[in-house]
Amino acid sequence: MQPAAPKETDGATYRVAAYPLYTPELAPGPGREEVKSYCSTCHSTRYITMQPPLPPETWAAEVNKMVKVMGQPIPDDVQPVIIKYLQTHYTPETRKP
């Protein structure tokens, strides 16, 4: 069960800790710099690292969607490098805890 919310009192001050502003590191390996260069022009690396592990074919579809639907100008020769990197590090079989 979730605990009840605390009772507010007159004159009380409430605050939360600072939100962490660090950018999560991507896994080291070939293609990492390409992912950082091209993918982070639209979103932070946090968006990649917060995804649940995706099947390899889903990563390929995501990169293709970013290029064809969203208009991200990733050169044809760089797209397979990015896809391979994501498939190497962020699938259910390869995601490191």
PDB file of N, CA and C in Angstrom:
ATOM      1  N   MET A   1       0.822  -1.178   0.000  1.00  0.00           N
ATOM      2  CA  MET A   1       0.000   0.000   0.000  1.00  0.00           C
ATOM      3  C   MET A   1       0.871   1.247   0.000  1.00  0.00           C
ATOM      4  N   GLN A   2       0.389   2.260  -0.657  1.00  0.00           N
ATOM      5  CA  GLN A   2       1.095   3.524  -0.699  1.00  0.00           C
ATOM      6  C   GLN A   2       0.787   4.314   0.567  1.00  0.00           C
ATOM      7  N   PRO A   3       1.815   4.918   1.188  1.00  0.00           N
ATOM      8  CA  PRO A   3       1.537   5.684   2.406  1.00  0.00           C
ATOM      9  C   PRO A   3       0.719   6.931   2.085  1.00  0.00           C
ATOM     10  N   ALA A   4      -0.014   7.392   3.063  1.00  0.00           N
ATOM     11  CA  ALA A   4      -0.818   8.605   2.899  1.00  0.00           C
ATOM     12  C   ALA A   4       0.113   9.796   2.713  1.00  0.00           C
ATOM     13  N   ALA A   5      -0.357  10.783   1.982  1.00  0.00           N
ATOM     14  CA  ALA A   5       0.425  12.002   1.785  1.00  0.00           C
ATOM     15  C   ALA A   5       0.581  12.713   3.126  1.00  0.00           C
ATOM     16  N   PRO A   6       1.732  13.358   3.352  1.00  0.00           N
ATOM     17  CA  PRO A   6       1.903  14.066   4.623  1.00  0.00           C
ATOM     18  C   PRO A   6       0.921  15.239   4.733  1.00  0.00           C
ATOM     19  N   LYS A   7       0.549  15.545   5.926  1.00  0.00           N
ATOM     20  CA  LYS A   7      -0.360  16.675   6.172  1.00  0.00           C
ATOM     21  C   LYS A   7       0.432  17.975   6.025  1.00  0.00           C
ATOM     22  N   GLU A   8      -0.097  18.887   5.214  1.00  0.00           N
ATOM     23  CA  GLU A   8       0.548  20.184   5.061  1.00  0.00           C
ATOM     24  C   GLU A   8       0.178  21.069   6.239  1.00  0.00           C
ATOM     25  N   THR A   9       1.114  21.880   6.659  1.00  0.00           N
ATOM     26  CA  THR A   9       0.845  22.809   7.744  1.00  0.00           C
ATOM     27  C   THR A   9       1.124  24.223   7.260  1.00  0.00           C
ATOM     28  N   ASP A  10       0.464  25.179   7.873  1.00  0.00           N
ATOM     29  CA  ASP A  10       0.680  26.579   7.513  1.00  0.00           C
ATOM     30  C   ASP A  10       2.122  26.973   7.785  1.00  0.00           C
ATOM     31  N   GLY A  11       2.716  27.658   6.828  1.00  0.00           N
ATOM     32  CA  GLY A  11       4.072  28.156   7.009  1.00  0.00           C
ATOM     33  C   GLY A  11       5.165  27.126   6.777  1.00  0.00           C
ATOM     34  N   ALA A  12       4.805  25.905   6.454  1.00  0.00           N
ATOM     35  CA  ALA A  12       5.818  24.876   6.229  1.00  0.00           C
ATOM     36  C   ALA A  12       6.496  25.096   4.880  1.00  0.00           C
ATOM     37  N   THR A  13       7.734  24.659   4.769  1.00  0.00           N
ATOM     38  CA  THR A  13       8.486  24.754   3.519  1.00  0.00           C
ATOM     39  C   THR A  13       8.762  23.343   3.026  1.00  0.00           C
ATOM     40  N   TYR A  14       8.453  23.093   1.761  1.00  0.00           N
ATOM     41  CA  TYR A  14       8.667  21.787   1.173  1.00  0.00           C
ATOM     42  C   TYR A  14       9.611  21.937  -0.005  1.00  0.00           C
ATOM     43  N   ARG A  15      10.496  20.981  -0.193  1.00  0.00           N
ATOM     44  CA  ARG A  15      11.400  21.041  -1.332  1.00  0.00           C
ATOM     45  C   ARG A  15      11.834  19.635  -1.706  1.00  0.00           C
ATOM     46  N   VAL A  16      12.349  19.523  -2.899  1.00  0.00           N
ATOM     47  CA  VAL A  16      12.892  18.255  -3.377  1.00  0.00           C
ATOM     48  C   VAL A  16      14.349  18.472  -3.740  1.00  0.00           C
ATOM     49  N   ALA A  17      15.092  17.401  -3.813  1.00  0.00           N
ATOM     50  CA  ALA A  17      16.504  17.493  -4.183  1.00  0.00           C
ATOM     51  C   ALA A  17      16.629  17.939  -5.628  1.00  0.00           C
ATOM     52  N   ALA A  18      17.792  18.416  -5.980  1.00  0.00           N
ATOM     53  CA  ALA A  18      18.048  18.865  -7.355  1.00  0.00           C
ATOM     54  C   ALA A  18      17.947  17.689  -8.317  1.00  0.00           C
ATOM     55  N   TYR A  19      17.398  17.954  -9.473  1.00  0.00           N
ATOM     56  CA  TYR A  19      17.302  16.941 -10.523  1.00  0.00           C
ATOM     57  C   TYR A  19      18.686  16.712 -11.109  1.00  0.00           C
ATOM     58  N   PRO A  20      19.114  15.463 -11.254  1.00  0.00           N
ATOM     59  CA  PRO A  20      20.459  15.236 -11.803  1.00  0.00           C
ATOM     60  C   PRO A  20      20.528  15.692 -13.262  1.00  0.00           C
ATOM     61  N   LEU A  21      21.548  16.427 -13.591  1.00  0.00           N
ATOM     62  CA  LEU A  21      21.682  16.986 -14.924  1.00  0.00           C
ATOM     63  C   LEU A  21      22.746  16.286 -15.767  1.00  0.00           C
ATOM     64  N   TYR A  22      23.268  15.196 -15.283  1.00  0.00           N
ATOM     65  CA  TYR A  22      24.286  14.483 -16.046  1.00  0.00           C
ATOM     66  C   TYR A  22      23.654  13.817 -17.266  1.00  0.00           C
ATOM     67  N   THR A  23      24.454  13.622 -18.275  1.00  0.00           N
ATOM     68  CA  THR A  23      24.011  12.890 -19.458  1.00  0.00           C
ATOM     69  C   THR A  23      24.525  11.468 -19.326  1.00  0.00           C
ATOM     70  N   PRO A  24      23.648  10.482 -19.373  1.00  0.00           N
ATOM     71  CA  PRO A  24      24.106   9.104 -19.224  1.00  0.00           C
ATOM     72  C   PRO A  24      25.110   8.744 -20.323  1.00  0.00           C
ATOM     73  N   GLU A  25      26.104   8.006 -19.949  1.00  0.00           N
ATOM     74  CA  GLU A  25      27.105   7.548 -20.910  1.00  0.00           C
ATOM     75  C   GLU A  25      26.543   6.389 -21.721  1.00  0.00           C
ATOM     76  N   LEU A  26      26.812   6.423 -22.992  1.00  0.00           N
ATOM     77  CA  LEU A  26      26.478   5.279 -23.838  1.00  0.00           C
ATOM     78  C   LEU A  26      27.547   4.221 -23.653  1.00  0.00           C
ATOM     79  N   ALA A  27      27.192   2.989 -23.921  1.00  0.00           N
ATOM     80  CA  ALA A  27      28.145   1.885 -23.806  1.00  0.00           C
ATOM     81  C   ALA A  27      29.306   2.118 -24.769  1.00  0.00           C
ATOM     82  N   PRO A  28      30.532   1.826 -24.344  1.00  0.00           N
ATOM     83  CA  PRO A  28      31.664   1.993 -25.248  1.00  0.00           C
ATOM     84  C   PRO A  28      31.612   0.976 -26.388  1.00  0.00           C
ATOM     85  N   GLY A  29      32.102   1.384 -27.538  1.00  0.00           N
ATOM     86  CA  GLY A  29      32.163   0.469 -28.671  1.00  0.00           C
ATOM     87  C   GLY A  29      32.067   1.201 -29.989  1.00  0.00           C
ATOM     88  N   PRO A  30      32.364   0.497 -31.075  1.00  0.00           N
ATOM     89  CA  PRO A  30      32.266   1.098 -32.404  1.00  0.00           C
ATOM     90  C   PRO A  30      30.848   1.592 -32.679  1.00  0.00           C
ATOM     91  N   GLY A  31      30.739   2.814 -33.157  1.00  0.00           N
ATOM     92  CA  GLY A  31      29.444   3.405 -33.460  1.00  0.00           C
ATOM     93  C   GLY A  31      28.958   4.374 -32.402  1.00  0.00           C
ATOM     94  N   ARG A  32      29.577   4.355 -31.250  1.00  0.00           N
ATOM     95  CA  ARG A  32      29.148   5.232 -30.155  1.00  0.00           C
ATOM     96  C   ARG A  32      29.210   6.710 -30.552  1.00  0.00           C
ATOM     97  N   GLU A  33      30.296   7.128 -31.174  1.00  0.00           N
ATOM     98  CA  GLU A  33      30.440   8.535 -31.557  1.00  0.00           C
ATOM     99  C   GLU A  33      29.409   8.935 -32.605  1.00  0.00           C
ATOM    100  N   GLU A  34      29.090   8.025 -33.520  1.00  0.00           N
ATOM    101  CA  GLU A  34      28.074   8.309 -34.528  1.00  0.00           C
ATOM    102  C   GLU A  34      26.699   8.475 -33.881  1.00  0.00           C
ATOM    103  N   VAL A  35      26.398   7.616 -32.911  1.00  0.00           N
ATOM    104  CA  VAL A  35      25.127   7.729 -32.194  1.00  0.00           C
ATOM    105  C   VAL A  35      25.069   9.063 -31.464  1.00  0.00           C
ATOM    106  N   LYS A  36      26.145   9.410 -30.760  1.00  0.00           N
ATOM    107  CA  LYS A  36      26.165  10.677 -30.042  1.00  0.00           C
ATOM    108  C   LYS A  36      26.031  11.853 -31.009  1.00  0.00           C
ATOM    109  N   SER A  37      26.681  11.778 -32.142  1.00  0.00           N
ATOM    110  CA  SER A  37      26.669  12.895 -33.093  1.00  0.00           C
ATOM    111  C   SER A  37      25.321  13.072 -33.764  1.00  0.00           C
ATOM    112  N   TYR A  38      24.754  12.002 -34.271  1.00  0.00           N
ATOM    113  CA  TYR A  38      23.527  12.118 -35.055  1.00  0.00           C
ATOM    114  C   TYR A  38      22.263  12.047 -34.206  1.00  0.00           C
ATOM    115  N   CYS A  39      22.209  11.132 -33.257  1.00  0.00           N
ATOM    116  CA  CYS A  39      20.970  10.931 -32.501  1.00  0.00           C
ATOM    117  C   CYS A  39      20.731  12.054 -31.497  1.00  0.00           C
ATOM    118  N   SER A  40      21.809  12.588 -30.935  1.00  0.00           N
ATOM    119  CA  SER A  40      21.616  13.608 -29.901  1.00  0.00           C
ATOM    120  C   SER A  40      21.337  14.991 -30.475  1.00  0.00           C
ATOM    121  N   THR A  41      21.217  15.120 -31.789  1.00  0.00           N
ATOM    122  CA  THR A  41      20.781  16.410 -32.325  1.00  0.00           C
ATOM    123  C   THR A  41      19.290  16.617 -32.065  1.00  0.00           C
ATOM    124  N   CYS A  42      18.549  15.531 -31.864  1.00  0.00           N
ATOM    125  CA  CYS A  42      17.105  15.631 -31.597  1.00  0.00           C
ATOM    126  C   CYS A  42      16.741  15.264 -30.161  1.00  0.00           C
ATOM    127  N   HIS A  43      17.490  14.377 -29.548  1.00  0.00           N
ATOM    128  CA  HIS A  43      17.191  13.970 -28.176  1.00  0.00           C
ATOM    129  C   HIS A  43      18.485  13.603 -27.481  1.00  0.00           C
ATOM    130  N   SER A  44      18.460  13.605 -26.165  1.00  0.00           N
ATOM    131  CA  SER A  44      19.660  13.288 -25.400  1.00  0.00           C
ATOM    132  C   SER A  44      19.932  11.786 -25.431  1.00  0.00           C
ATOM    133  N   THR A  45      21.129  11.424 -25.007  1.00  0.00           N
ATOM    134  CA  THR A  45      21.458  10.001 -24.915  1.00  0.00           C
ATOM    135  C   THR A  45      20.593   9.315 -23.861  1.00  0.00           C
ATOM    136  N   ARG A  46      20.039  10.086 -22.938  1.00  0.00           N
ATOM    137  CA  ARG A  46      19.144   9.516 -21.925  1.00  0.00           C
ATOM    138  C   ARG A  46      17.960   8.815 -22.594  1.00  0.00           C
ATOM    139  N   TYR A  47      17.493   9.343 -23.703  1.00  0.00           N
ATOM    140  CA  TYR A  47      16.358   8.745 -24.397  1.00  0.00           C
ATOM    141  C   TYR A  47      16.694   7.331 -24.884  1.00  0.00           C
ATOM    142  N   ILE A  48      17.946   7.119 -25.257  1.00  0.00           N
ATOM    143  CA  ILE A  48      18.387   5.783 -25.695  1.00  0.00           C
ATOM    144  C   ILE A  48      18.534   4.861 -24.491  1.00  0.00           C
ATOM    145  N   THR A  49      19.191   5.346 -23.455  1.00  0.00           N
ATOM    146  CA  THR A  49      19.477   4.483 -22.305  1.00  0.00           C
ATOM    147  C   THR A  49      18.249   4.181 -21.467  1.00  0.00           C
ATOM    148  N   MET A  50      17.211   5.014 -21.540  1.00  0.00           N
ATOM    149  CA  MET A  50      16.009   4.761 -20.735  1.00  0.00           C
ATOM    150  C   MET A  50      15.035   3.804 -21.426  1.00  0.00           C
ATOM    151  N   GLN A  51      15.261   3.512 -22.698  1.00  0.00           N
ATOM    152  CA  GLN A  51      14.384   2.585 -23.409  1.00  0.00           C
ATOM    153  C   GLN A  51      14.515   1.190 -22.815  1.00  0.00           C
ATOM    154  N   PRO A  52      13.441   0.434 -22.807  1.00  0.00           N
ATOM    155  CA  PRO A  52      13.621  -0.978 -22.434  1.00  0.00           C
ATOM    156  C   PRO A  52      14.474  -1.630 -23.529  1.00  0.00           C
ATOM    157  N   PRO A  53      15.159  -2.701 -23.205  1.00  0.00           N
ATOM    158  CA  PRO A  53      15.925  -3.377 -24.250  1.00  0.00           C
ATOM    159  C   PRO A  53      15.006  -3.747 -25.413  1.00  0.00           C
ATOM    160  N   LEU A  54      15.372  -3.329 -26.602  1.00  0.00           N
ATOM    161  CA  LEU A  54      14.546  -3.579 -27.787  1.00  0.00           C
ATOM    162  C   LEU A  54      15.166  -4.656 -28.658  1.00  0.00           C
ATOM    163  N   PRO A  55      14.348  -5.453 -29.338  1.00  0.00           N
ATOM    164  CA  PRO A  55      14.888  -6.459 -30.258  1.00  0.00           C
ATOM    165  C   PRO A  55      15.684  -5.783 -31.376  1.00  0.00           C
ATOM    166  N   PRO A  56      16.663  -6.480 -31.944  1.00  0.00           N
ATOM    167  CA  PRO A  56      17.493  -5.888 -32.998  1.00  0.00           C
ATOM    168  C   PRO A  56      16.689  -5.283 -34.144  1.00  0.00           C
ATOM    169  N   GLU A  57      15.637  -5.974 -34.586  1.00  0.00           N
ATOM    170  CA  GLU A  57      14.853  -5.454 -35.712  1.00  0.00           C
ATOM    171  C   GLU A  57      14.114  -4.168 -35.344  1.00  0.00           C
ATOM    172  N   THR A  58      13.795  -3.993 -34.080  1.00  0.00           N
ATOM    173  CA  THR A  58      13.137  -2.757 -33.645  1.00  0.00           C
ATOM    174  C   THR A  58      14.097  -1.581 -33.706  1.00  0.00           C
ATOM    175  N   TRP A  59      15.362  -1.807 -33.318  1.00  0.00           N
ATOM    176  CA  TRP A  59      16.351  -0.729 -33.428  1.00  0.00           C
ATOM    177  C   TRP A  59      16.536  -0.320 -34.884  1.00  0.00           C
ATOM    178  N   ALA A  60      16.568  -1.284 -35.784  1.00  0.00           N
ATOM    179  CA  ALA A  60      16.692  -0.962 -37.207  1.00  0.00           C
ATOM    180  C   ALA A  60      15.487  -0.135 -37.661  1.00  0.00           C
ATOM    181  N   ALA A  61      14.305  -0.526 -37.239  1.00  0.00           N
ATOM    182  CA  ALA A  61      13.093   0.207 -37.607  1.00  0.00           C
ATOM    183  C   ALA A  61      13.111   1.618 -37.018  1.00  0.00           C
ATOM    184  N   GLU A  62      13.605   1.770 -35.801  1.00  0.00           N
ATOM    185  CA  GLU A  62      13.667   3.093 -35.165  1.00  0.00           C
ATOM    186  C   GLU A  62      14.602   4.029 -35.932  1.00  0.00           C
ATOM    187  N   VAL A  63      15.766   3.530 -36.293  1.00  0.00           N
ATOM    188  CA  VAL A  63      16.709   4.368 -37.047  1.00  0.00           C
ATOM    189  C   VAL A  63      16.113   4.727 -38.400  1.00  0.00           C
ATOM    190  N   ASN A  64      15.515   3.755 -39.072  1.00  0.00           N
ATOM    191  CA  ASN A  64      14.879   4.034 -40.357  1.00  0.00           C
ATOM    192  C   ASN A  64      13.765   5.063 -40.218  1.00  0.00           C
ATOM    193  N   LYS A  65      12.988   4.979 -39.138  1.00  0.00           N
ATOM    194  CA  LYS A  65      11.922   5.944 -38.883  1.00  0.00           C
ATOM    195  C   LYS A  65      12.499   7.343 -38.675  1.00  0.00           C
ATOM    196  N   MET A  66      13.587   7.427 -37.931  1.00  0.00           N
ATOM    197  CA  MET A  66      14.200   8.734 -37.679  1.00  0.00           C
ATOM    198  C   MET A  66      14.640   9.391 -38.989  1.00  0.00           C
ATOM    199  N   VAL A  67      15.121   8.585 -39.911  1.00  0.00           N
ATOM    200  CA  VAL A  67      15.589   9.117 -41.195  1.00  0.00           C
ATOM    201  C   VAL A  67      14.415   9.422 -42.121  1.00  0.00           C
ATOM    202  N   LYS A  68      13.552   8.447 -42.318  1.00  0.00           N
ATOM    203  CA  LYS A  68      12.501   8.568 -43.338  1.00  0.00           C
ATOM    204  C   LYS A  68      11.295   9.389 -42.881  1.00  0.00           C
ATOM    205  N   VAL A  69      10.894   9.251 -41.617  1.00  0.00           N
ATOM    206  CA  VAL A  69       9.701   9.940 -41.131  1.00  0.00           C
ATOM    207  C   VAL A  69      10.056  11.262 -40.452  1.00  0.00           C
ATOM    208  N   MET A  70      11.057  11.222 -39.580  1.00  0.00           N
ATOM    209  CA  MET A  70      11.401  12.413 -38.810  1.00  0.00           C
ATOM    210  C   MET A  70      12.363  13.348 -39.561  1.00  0.00           C
ATOM    211  N   GLY A  71      12.989  12.850 -40.625  1.00  0.00           N
ATOM    212  CA  GLY A  71      13.843  13.703 -41.441  1.00  0.00           C
ATOM    213  C   GLY A  71      15.248  13.914 -40.933  1.00  0.00           C
ATOM    214  N   GLN A  72      15.721  13.034 -40.058  1.00  0.00           N
ATOM    215  CA  GLN A  72      17.092  13.158 -39.555  1.00  0.00           C
ATOM    216  C   GLN A  72      18.069  12.846 -40.683  1.00  0.00           C
ATOM    217  N   PRO A  73      18.966  13.762 -41.015  1.00  0.00           N
ATOM    218  CA  PRO A  73      19.881  13.545 -42.137  1.00  0.00           C
ATOM    219  C   PRO A  73      21.097  12.686 -41.759  1.00  0.00           C
ATOM    220  N   ILE A  74      20.866  11.402 -41.568  1.00  0.00           N
ATOM    221  CA  ILE A  74      21.965  10.475 -41.283  1.00  0.00           C
ATOM    222  C   ILE A  74      22.420   9.900 -42.618  1.00  0.00           C
ATOM    223  N   PRO A  75      23.698  10.066 -42.965  1.00  0.00           N
ATOM    224  CA  PRO A  75      24.176   9.540 -44.244  1.00  0.00           C
ATOM    225  C   PRO A  75      23.942   8.031 -44.358  1.00  0.00           C
ATOM    226  N   ASP A  76      23.727   7.586 -45.587  1.00  0.00           N
ATOM    227  CA  ASP A  76      23.448   6.163 -45.836  1.00  0.00           C
ATOM    228  C   ASP A  76      24.521   5.250 -45.270  1.00  0.00           C
ATOM    229  N   ASP A  77      25.784   5.664 -45.336  1.00  0.00           N
ATOM    230  CA  ASP A  77      26.859   4.792 -44.844  1.00  0.00           C
ATOM    231  C   ASP A  77      26.974   4.794 -43.322  1.00  0.00           C
ATOM    232  N   VAL A  78      26.336   5.744 -42.638  1.00  0.00           N
ATOM    233  CA  VAL A  78      26.400   5.818 -41.180  1.00  0.00           C
ATOM    234  C   VAL A  78      25.229   5.075 -40.540  1.00  0.00           C
ATOM    235  N   GLN A  79      24.111   4.969 -41.230  1.00  0.00           N
ATOM    236  CA  GLN A  79      22.933   4.308 -40.669  1.00  0.00           C
ATOM    237  C   GLN A  79      23.227   2.886 -40.193  1.00  0.00           C
ATOM    238  N   PRO A  80      23.907   2.039 -40.997  1.00  0.00           N
ATOM    239  CA  PRO A  80      24.193   0.687 -40.505  1.00  0.00           C
ATOM    240  C   PRO A  80      25.124   0.672 -39.293  1.00  0.00           C
ATOM    241  N   VAL A  81      26.003   1.656 -39.191  1.00  0.00           N
ATOM    242  CA  VAL A  81      26.908   1.741 -38.040  1.00  0.00           C
ATOM    243  C   VAL A  81      26.097   2.018 -36.774  1.00  0.00           C
ATOM    244  N   ILE A  82      25.149   2.938 -36.865  1.00  0.00           N
ATOM    245  CA  ILE A  82      24.299   3.269 -35.720  1.00  0.00           C
ATOM    246  C   ILE A  82      23.421   2.078 -35.339  1.00  0.00           C
ATOM    247  N   ILE A  83      22.826   1.455 -36.333  1.00  0.00           N
ATOM    248  CA  ILE A  83      21.966   0.288 -36.075  1.00  0.00           C
ATOM    249  C   ILE A  83      22.766  -0.825 -35.409  1.00  0.00           C
ATOM    250  N   LYS A  84      23.937  -1.114 -35.917  1.00  0.00           N
ATOM    251  CA  LYS A  84      24.768  -2.184 -35.337  1.00  0.00           C
ATOM    252  C   LYS A  84      25.150  -1.849 -33.893  1.00  0.00           C
ATOM    253  N   TYR A  85      25.485  -0.596 -33.637  1.00  0.00           N
ATOM    254  CA  TYR A  85      25.832  -0.190 -32.274  1.00  0.00           C
ATOM    255  C   TYR A  85      24.663  -0.435 -31.328  1.00  0.00           C
ATOM    256  N   LEU A  86      23.474   0.042 -31.708  1.00  0.00           N
ATOM    257  CA  LEU A  86      22.299  -0.131 -30.854  1.00  0.00           C
ATOM    258  C   LEU A  86      21.954  -1.603 -30.666  1.00  0.00           C
ATOM    259  N   GLN A  87      22.089  -2.386 -31.720  1.00  0.00           N
ATOM    260  CA  GLN A  87      21.818  -3.826 -31.632  1.00  0.00           C
ATOM    261  C   GLN A  87      22.868  -4.545 -30.796  1.00  0.00           C
ATOM    262  N   THR A  88      24.057  -4.018 -30.745  1.00  0.00           N
ATOM    263  CA  THR A  88      25.136  -4.649 -29.982  1.00  0.00           C
ATOM    264  C   THR A  88      25.001  -4.385 -28.488  1.00  0.00           C
ATOM    265  N   HIS A  89      24.426  -3.234 -28.123  1.00  0.00           N
ATOM    266  CA  HIS A  89      24.439  -2.840 -26.711  1.00  0.00           C
ATOM    267  C   HIS A  89      23.078  -2.701 -26.040  1.00  0.00           C
ATOM    268  N   TYR A  90      22.003  -2.589 -26.800  1.00  0.00           N
ATOM    269  CA  TYR A  90      20.717  -2.245 -26.184  1.00  0.00           C
ATOM    270  C   TYR A  90      19.578  -3.175 -26.598  1.00  0.00           C
ATOM    271  N   THR A  91      19.849  -4.470 -26.649  1.00  0.00           N
ATOM    272  CA  THR A  91      18.809  -5.476 -26.906  1.00  0.00           C
ATOM    273  C   THR A  91      18.645  -6.326 -25.640  1.00  0.00           C
ATOM    274  N   PRO A  92      17.582  -7.107 -25.550  1.00  0.00           N
ATOM    275  CA  PRO A  92      17.423  -7.948 -24.357  1.00  0.00           C
ATOM    276  C   PRO A  92      18.607  -8.892 -24.138  1.00  0.00           C
ATOM    277  N   GLU A  93      19.210  -9.342 -25.232  1.00  0.00           N
ATOM    278  CA  GLU A  93      20.329 -10.285 -25.101  1.00  0.00           C
ATOM    279  C   GLU A  93      21.646  -9.604 -24.752  1.00  0.00           C
ATOM    280  N   THR A  94      21.771  -8.333 -25.067  1.00  0.00           N
ATOM    281  CA  THR A  94      23.079  -7.674 -24.905  1.00  0.00           C
ATOM    282  C   THR A  94      23.105  -6.561 -23.891  1.00  0.00           C
ATOM    283  N   ARG A  95      21.958  -6.119 -23.407  1.00  0.00           N
ATOM    284  CA  ARG A  95      21.919  -4.987 -22.466  1.00  0.00           C
ATOM    285  C   ARG A  95      22.624  -5.356 -21.189  1.00  0.00           C
ATOM    286  N   LYS A  96      23.555  -4.534 -20.829  1.00  0.00           N
ATOM    287  CA  LYS A  96      24.315  -4.779 -19.606  1.00  0.00           C
ATOM    288  C   LYS A  96      23.655  -4.008 -18.466  1.00  0.00           C
ATOM    289  N   PRO A  97      23.423  -4.672 -17.328  1.00  0.00           N
ATOM    290  CA  PRO A  97      22.744  -3.979 -16.196  1.00  0.00           C
ATOM    291  C   PRO A  97      23.561  -2.836 -15.652  1.00  0.00           C
TER     292      PRO A  97
END
